[in-house]
Amino acid sequence: MRFLTMIVLMTATLCLAQAPVEVGKPSAENLQRDQFKAGNAYREMQNTERASRDAEQDFRQADSIHKDTLKRADEAKLQADAAKKKFDAAKAKEAQARKAYDAAVNAVDRDAHPAKK
């Protein structure tokens, strides 16, 4: 943004700089040519100002979208962490249930087939 502003100011300065003073009286042709150059320089300055405003608006919009995306990503990370904790707890319960099941099955096997002495 600063770079673009600097270019606009340099362009305007260069375009509006005075031409060397000619010896003798200025002609209508020189005056008309200088007015034409000044008009072109003014239009160019307006175009660059408009481009600068458009670029700033694009930047602000993209920055806003970026910040919103980061916020949503943070929220999604929190949800993912909560889901991971829930998943880990469910897996732990499953392991406990499997251990209890295995113990029960082993008890049935022991009762059904008593050890022979």
Protein backbone atom coordinates (compact mmCIF):
# COMPACT_ATOMS: atom_id res chain seq x y z
CA MET A 1 0.00 0.00 0.00
CA ARG A 2 2.81 2.40 0.85
CA PHE A 3 4.61 1.40 -2.30
CA LEU A 4 1.56 2.13 -4.42
CA THR A 5 1.09 5.51 -2.71
CA MET A 6 4.73 6.35 -3.32
CA ILE A 7 4.40 5.49 -7.01
CA VAL A 8 1.27 7.62 -7.30
CA LEU A 9 3.01 10.58 -5.69
CA MET A 10 6.14 10.20 -7.82
CA THR A 11 4.06 9.91 -10.98
CA ALA A 12 2.05 12.97 -10.07
CA THR A 13 5.22 14.91 -9.23
CA LEU A 14 6.91 13.96 -12.47
CA CYS A 15 3.84 14.73 -14.53
CA LEU A 16 3.23 18.06 -12.88
CA ALA A 17 6.86 19.19 -12.91
CA GLN A 18 7.36 22.36 -14.88
CA ALA A 19 8.90 22.19 -18.27
CA PRO A 20 12.07 24.20 -18.81
CA VAL A 21 11.41 27.81 -19.46
CA GLU A 22 11.63 28.59 -23.13
CA VAL A 23 13.26 31.75 -24.25
CA GLY A 24 10.78 34.13 -25.73
CA LYS A 25 7.07 34.31 -25.24
CA PRO A 26 5.10 31.09 -24.81
CA SER A 27 3.05 30.11 -27.80
CA ALA A 28 -0.53 28.95 -27.74
CA GLU A 29 0.69 25.60 -29.03
CA ASN A 30 3.00 25.13 -26.02
CA LEU A 31 0.23 26.16 -23.65
CA GLN A 32 -2.20 23.74 -25.25
CA ARG A 33 0.37 20.91 -25.16
CA ASP A 34 1.10 21.57 -21.47
CA GLN A 35 -2.60 21.67 -20.64
CA PHE A 36 -3.07 18.38 -22.45
CA LYS A 37 -0.19 16.82 -20.45
CA ALA A 38 -1.62 18.16 -17.21
CA GLY A 39 -5.04 16.73 -18.08
CA ASN A 40 -3.51 13.33 -18.84
CA ALA A 41 -1.49 13.40 -15.62
CA TYR A 42 -4.63 14.25 -13.62
CA ARG A 43 -6.58 11.37 -15.19
CA GLU A 44 -3.67 9.01 -14.49
CA MET A 45 -3.59 10.19 -10.88
CA GLN A 46 -7.33 9.57 -10.55
CA ASN A 47 -6.97 6.10 -12.06
CA THR A 48 -4.16 5.18 -9.69
CA GLU A 49 -6.12 6.50 -6.70
CA ARG A 50 -9.10 4.39 -7.75
CA ALA A 51 -6.85 1.34 -8.19
CA SER A 52 -5.39 1.98 -4.76
CA ARG A 53 -8.85 2.17 -3.15
CA ASP A 54 -9.91 -1.02 -4.93
CA ALA A 55 -6.75 -2.82 -3.81
CA GLU A 56 -7.30 -1.67 -0.23
CA GLN A 57 -10.89 -2.90 -0.32
CA ASP A 58 -9.76 -6.26 -1.72
CA PHE A 59 -7.13 -6.52 1.00
CA ARG A 60 -9.58 -5.71 3.79
CA GLN A 61 -12.07 -8.26 2.46
CA ALA A 62 -9.42 -10.99 2.10
CA ASP A 63 -8.04 -10.20 5.56
CA SER A 64 -11.53 -10.43 7.05
CA ILE A 65 -12.14 -13.77 5.35
CA HIS A 66 -8.75 -14.99 6.58
CA LYS A 67 -9.51 -14.01 10.17
CA ASP A 68 -12.95 -15.65 10.00
CA THR A 69 -11.38 -18.81 8.60
CA LEU A 70 -8.82 -18.90 11.41
CA LYS A 71 -11.62 -18.47 13.96
CA ARG A 72 -13.61 -21.33 12.42
CA ALA A 73 -10.46 -23.47 12.31
CA ASP A 74 -9.87 -22.82 16.01
CA GLU A 75 -13.47 -23.78 16.78
CA ALA A 76 -13.13 -26.93 14.66
CA LYS A 77 -9.92 -27.81 16.51
CA LEU A 78 -11.74 -27.53 19.85
CA GLN A 79 -14.53 -29.76 18.53
CA ALA A 80 -11.99 -32.27 17.20
CA ASP A 81 -10.18 -32.34 20.55
CA ALA A 82 -13.47 -32.92 22.40
CA ALA A 83 -14.41 -35.70 19.97
CA LYS A 84 -10.97 -37.29 20.44
CA LYS A 85 -11.41 -37.29 24.23
CA LYS A 86 -14.85 -38.85 23.82
CA PHE A 87 -13.42 -41.46 21.45
CA ASP A 88 -10.56 -42.28 23.84
CA ALA A 89 -13.03 -42.66 26.72
CA ALA A 90 -15.24 -44.96 24.61
CA LYS A 91 -12.24 -47.09 23.64
CA ALA A 92 -11.24 -47.37 27.33
CA LYS A 93 -14.79 -48.46 28.23
CA GLU A 94 -14.72 -50.94 25.39
CA ALA A 95 -11.44 -52.40 26.69
CA GLN A 96 -12.93 -52.71 30.19
CA ALA A 97 -16.05 -54.39 28.81
CA ARG A 98 -13.92 -56.78 26.74
CA LYS A 99 -11.85 -57.64 29.83
CA ALA A 100 -15.03 -58.29 31.86
CA TYR A 101 -16.42 -60.43 29.01
CA ASP A 102 -13.22 -62.45 28.74
CA ALA A 103 -13.23 -63.00 32.52
CA ALA A 104 -16.87 -64.15 32.39
CA VAL A 105 -16.19 -66.51 29.47
CA ASN A 106 -13.20 -67.97 31.31
CA ALA A 107 -15.37 -68.50 34.42
CA VAL A 108 -17.95 -70.37 32.33
CA ASP A 109 -15.22 -72.52 30.81
CA ARG A 110 -13.81 -73.31 34.26
CA ASP A 111 -17.25 -74.22 35.58
CA ALA A 112 -18.14 -76.29 32.52
CA HIS A 113 -14.87 -78.18 32.44
CA PRO A 114 -13.52 -78.61 35.93
CA ALA A 115 -9.86 -79.29 36.11
CA LYS A 116 -9.07 -83.01 36.27
CA LYS A 117 -6.86 -84.12 39.07
